[in-house]
N, C-alpha and C. Protein backbone atom coordinates (compact mmCIF):
# COMPACT_ATOMS: atom_id res chain seq x y z
N MET A 1 -82.49 125.07 12.82
CA MET A 1 -81.32 124.69 13.55
C MET A 1 -81.60 124.59 15.02
N LEU A 2 -82.21 125.67 15.55
CA LEU A 2 -82.55 125.68 16.98
C LEU A 2 -83.54 124.60 17.33
N ARG A 3 -84.52 124.42 16.42
CA ARG A 3 -85.53 123.39 16.64
C ARG A 3 -84.95 122.02 16.73
N LYS A 4 -83.97 121.68 15.85
CA LYS A 4 -83.35 120.40 15.87
C LYS A 4 -82.54 120.19 17.16
N SER A 5 -81.91 121.26 17.60
CA SER A 5 -81.12 121.16 18.86
C SER A 5 -82.05 120.90 20.02
N ILE A 6 -83.15 121.63 20.05
CA ILE A 6 -84.11 121.44 21.17
C ILE A 6 -84.70 120.04 21.18
N ILE A 7 -85.05 119.55 20.00
CA ILE A 7 -85.60 118.19 19.88
C ILE A 7 -84.53 117.21 20.35
N GLY A 8 -83.30 117.38 19.93
CA GLY A 8 -82.22 116.46 20.32
C GLY A 8 -82.02 116.48 21.81
N ILE A 9 -82.02 117.66 22.44
CA ILE A 9 -81.92 117.72 23.89
C ILE A 9 -83.09 117.03 24.56
N ALA A 10 -84.29 117.28 24.06
CA ALA A 10 -85.50 116.70 24.66
C ALA A 10 -85.45 115.16 24.59
N LEU A 11 -84.83 114.62 23.54
CA LEU A 11 -84.73 113.16 23.41
C LEU A 11 -83.63 112.58 24.28
N VAL A 12 -82.49 113.23 24.40
CA VAL A 12 -81.35 112.73 25.11
C VAL A 12 -81.53 112.80 26.64
N LEU A 13 -82.05 113.92 27.11
CA LEU A 13 -82.15 114.11 28.59
C LEU A 13 -82.93 113.02 29.32
N PRO A 14 -84.11 112.61 28.79
CA PRO A 14 -84.79 111.51 29.47
C PRO A 14 -84.02 110.21 29.49
N LEU A 15 -83.24 109.91 28.43
CA LEU A 15 -82.45 108.72 28.42
C LEU A 15 -81.35 108.78 29.47
N MET A 16 -80.73 109.94 29.63
CA MET A 16 -79.71 110.12 30.65
C MET A 16 -80.31 109.98 32.06
N GLY A 17 -81.49 110.48 32.21
CA GLY A 17 -82.18 110.41 33.51
C GLY A 17 -82.51 108.96 33.87
N GLY A 18 -82.82 108.17 32.85
CA GLY A 18 -83.14 106.75 33.12
C GLY A 18 -81.95 105.95 33.52
N LEU A 19 -80.77 106.35 33.04
CA LEU A 19 -79.55 105.66 33.42
C LEU A 19 -79.07 106.01 34.84
N ALA A 20 -79.43 107.16 35.31
CA ALA A 20 -78.98 107.61 36.65
C ALA A 20 -80.14 107.65 37.61
N ALA A 21 -81.20 106.88 37.39
CA ALA A 21 -82.40 106.90 38.25
C ALA A 21 -82.08 106.35 39.62
N CYS A 22 -82.69 106.96 40.64
CA CYS A 22 -82.56 106.48 41.99
C CYS A 22 -83.89 106.69 42.70
N ASP A 23 -84.02 106.15 43.92
CA ASP A 23 -85.30 106.31 44.64
C ASP A 23 -85.51 107.69 45.14
N ASP A 24 -84.49 108.30 45.74
CA ASP A 24 -84.64 109.67 46.28
C ASP A 24 -84.15 110.67 45.24
N GLN A 25 -84.97 111.68 44.99
CA GLN A 25 -84.59 112.71 44.05
C GLN A 25 -83.75 113.75 44.77
N GLY A 26 -82.58 113.96 44.24
CA GLY A 26 -81.70 115.04 44.74
C GLY A 26 -81.94 116.30 43.94
N PRO A 27 -81.22 117.35 44.29
CA PRO A 27 -81.39 118.60 43.61
C PRO A 27 -81.00 118.53 42.15
N ALA A 28 -80.00 117.72 41.80
CA ALA A 28 -79.55 117.62 40.41
C ALA A 28 -80.64 116.92 39.59
N GLU A 29 -81.26 115.90 40.14
CA GLU A 29 -82.32 115.20 39.36
C GLU A 29 -83.53 116.11 39.21
N GLU A 30 -83.87 116.87 40.23
CA GLU A 30 -85.00 117.78 40.12
C GLU A 30 -84.73 118.83 39.06
N ALA A 31 -83.50 119.29 39.03
CA ALA A 31 -83.09 120.31 38.00
C ALA A 31 -83.16 119.68 36.62
N GLY A 32 -82.74 118.43 36.51
CA GLY A 32 -82.80 117.74 35.22
C GLY A 32 -84.24 117.59 34.74
N GLU A 33 -85.12 117.23 35.66
CA GLU A 33 -86.53 117.09 35.26
C GLU A 33 -87.11 118.47 34.87
N ALA A 34 -86.70 119.51 35.55
CA ALA A 34 -87.18 120.85 35.18
C ALA A 34 -86.70 121.19 33.81
N LEU A 35 -85.44 120.82 33.42
CA LEU A 35 -84.94 121.08 32.09
C LEU A 35 -85.72 120.29 31.07
N ASP A 36 -86.06 119.03 31.40
CA ASP A 36 -86.88 118.20 30.51
C ASP A 36 -88.22 118.87 30.21
N ASP A 37 -88.86 119.32 31.28
CA ASP A 37 -90.18 119.96 31.12
C ASP A 37 -90.07 121.22 30.30
N THR A 38 -89.02 121.99 30.55
CA THR A 38 -88.82 123.27 29.79
C THR A 38 -88.57 122.92 28.27
N GLY A 39 -87.76 121.94 28.04
CA GLY A 39 -87.46 121.52 26.63
C GLY A 39 -88.74 121.06 25.95
N GLU A 40 -89.58 120.36 26.63
CA GLU A 40 -90.85 119.87 26.02
C GLU A 40 -91.77 121.09 25.77
N SER A 41 -91.81 122.01 26.71
CA SER A 41 -92.64 123.19 26.51
C SER A 41 -92.16 124.00 25.32
N VAL A 42 -90.87 124.21 25.21
CA VAL A 42 -90.31 124.96 24.09
C VAL A 42 -90.65 124.23 22.75
N GLN A 43 -90.45 122.90 22.77
CA GLN A 43 -90.76 122.14 21.55
C GLN A 43 -92.24 122.29 21.18
N ASP A 44 -93.12 122.21 22.17
CA ASP A 44 -94.53 122.33 21.88
C ASP A 44 -94.86 123.69 21.32
N ALA A 45 -94.16 124.73 21.74
CA ALA A 45 -94.45 126.09 21.28
C ALA A 45 -94.10 126.27 19.80
N PHE A 46 -93.18 125.46 19.29
CA PHE A 46 -92.75 125.60 17.91
C PHE A 46 -93.33 124.55 16.97
N GLU A 47 -94.19 123.70 17.46
CA GLU A 47 -94.84 122.72 16.60
C GLU A 47 -95.83 123.43 15.71
N ASP A 48 -96.33 122.67 14.75
CA ASP A 48 -97.19 123.26 13.71
C ASP A 48 -98.37 124.02 14.24
N ASP A 49 -98.96 123.61 15.33
CA ASP A 49 -100.15 124.30 15.84
C ASP A 49 -99.83 125.06 17.15
N GLY A 50 -98.57 125.28 17.45
CA GLY A 50 -98.20 125.94 18.70
C GLY A 50 -98.35 127.45 18.62
N PRO A 51 -98.23 128.12 19.72
CA PRO A 51 -98.42 129.57 19.76
C PRO A 51 -97.37 130.34 18.95
N ALA A 52 -96.17 129.86 18.83
CA ALA A 52 -95.14 130.53 18.02
C ALA A 52 -95.55 130.49 16.57
N GLU A 53 -96.06 129.34 16.12
CA GLU A 53 -96.50 129.21 14.74
C GLU A 53 -97.69 130.15 14.47
N GLU A 54 -98.63 130.25 15.36
CA GLU A 54 -99.75 131.11 15.18
C GLU A 54 -99.32 132.56 15.14
N THR A 55 -98.40 132.97 16.00
CA THR A 55 -97.92 134.33 16.01
C THR A 55 -97.21 134.68 14.70
N GLY A 56 -96.41 133.73 14.19
CA GLY A 56 -95.72 133.97 12.94
C GLY A 56 -96.72 134.09 11.79
N GLU A 57 -97.78 133.32 11.82
CA GLU A 57 -98.80 133.44 10.76
C GLU A 57 -99.49 134.78 10.85
N ASP A 58 -99.75 135.26 12.11
CA ASP A 58 -100.38 136.57 12.27
C ASP A 58 -99.52 137.65 11.76
N ILE A 59 -98.20 137.56 11.96
CA ILE A 59 -97.29 138.57 11.48
C ILE A 59 -97.25 138.55 9.96
N ASP A 60 -97.21 137.30 9.40
CA ASP A 60 -97.21 137.22 7.92
C ASP A 60 -98.50 137.82 7.34
N ASP A 61 -99.63 137.54 7.94
CA ASP A 61 -100.88 138.13 7.49
C ASP A 61 -100.91 139.63 7.55
N THR A 62 -100.29 140.17 8.58
CA THR A 62 -100.23 141.65 8.72
C THR A 62 -99.42 142.30 7.64
N PHE A 63 -98.30 141.67 7.27
CA PHE A 63 -97.43 142.34 6.30
C PHE A 63 -97.81 141.95 4.87
N ASP A 64 -98.64 140.96 4.66
CA ASP A 64 -99.07 140.60 3.30
C ASP A 64 -100.14 141.49 2.77
N ARG A 65 -100.72 142.33 3.59
CA ARG A 65 -101.81 143.14 3.16
C ARG A 65 -101.38 144.29 2.26
């Protein structure tokens, strides 16, 4: 559920930024780009080969013994 929400946000925010693009970046646009970067980082962490996946596998391995 969280993963789908994050992916949705990561897809929608760049589209919104493209509609409101301007030459000079104001504080709101910089904050929006920071949110985009954060969303992408979070998404990368939960992908199949990301650090969260590896940590989960390590925990599974520990308790399967």
